[in-house]
Amino acid sequence: MTDLYGGIDPRNIPSYSMGDAARYLRIPATLKGLVAQFRVYSG
């Protein structure tokens, strides 16, 4: 039998990338985007 996960426990592998999760939650995926939005909302 072949080890599909290369010895890594599949429960420790994220289901979504950070970019996908950020897009789904409608938040900026980068620190630059977070800072830009903070500046807009803080005046």
Protein backbone atom coordinates (compact mmCIF):
# COMPACT_ATOMS: atom_id res chain seq x y z
CA MET A 1 0.00 0.00 0.00
CA THR A 2 1.29 3.47 -0.90
CA ASP A 3 1.36 6.27 1.70
CA LEU A 4 -0.73 9.00 0.05
CA TYR A 5 0.33 11.75 2.47
CA GLY A 6 4.07 11.13 2.63
CA GLY A 7 4.05 10.17 6.30
CA ILE A 8 2.06 13.25 7.36
CA ASP A 9 -1.11 12.75 9.39
CA PRO A 10 -3.92 13.86 7.03
CA ARG A 11 -5.73 15.52 9.95
CA ASN A 12 -2.85 18.03 10.11
CA ILE A 13 -3.14 19.08 6.47
CA PRO A 14 -5.30 22.19 5.92
CA SER A 15 -8.38 21.74 3.77
CA TYR A 16 -8.08 25.21 2.26
CA SER A 17 -5.19 27.53 1.50
CA MET A 18 -4.94 30.87 3.32
CA GLY A 19 -5.94 32.66 0.11
CA ASP A 20 -9.01 30.48 -0.39
CA ALA A 21 -10.12 30.94 3.23
CA ALA A 22 -9.61 34.71 3.03
CA ARG A 23 -11.59 34.90 -0.21
CA TYR A 24 -14.43 32.86 1.31
CA LEU A 25 -14.51 35.07 4.42
CA ARG A 26 -14.14 38.21 2.25
CA ILE A 27 -11.07 39.47 4.07
CA PRO A 28 -7.77 40.54 2.50
CA ALA A 29 -5.28 37.69 2.32
CA THR A 30 -2.17 39.86 2.70
CA LEU A 31 -0.88 42.10 5.44
CA LYS A 32 -0.74 44.93 2.92
CA GLY A 33 -4.46 44.54 2.28
CA LEU A 34 -5.24 44.47 6.00
CA VAL A 35 -3.25 47.65 6.61
CA ALA A 36 -4.92 49.38 3.65
CA GLN A 37 -8.38 48.56 4.97
CA PHE A 38 -7.42 49.62 8.50
CA ARG A 39 -6.36 53.02 7.17
CA VAL A 40 -9.66 53.43 5.30
CA TYR A 41 -11.82 52.57 8.32
CA SER A 42 -9.78 54.48 10.91
CA GLY A 43 -10.04 57.74 8.99
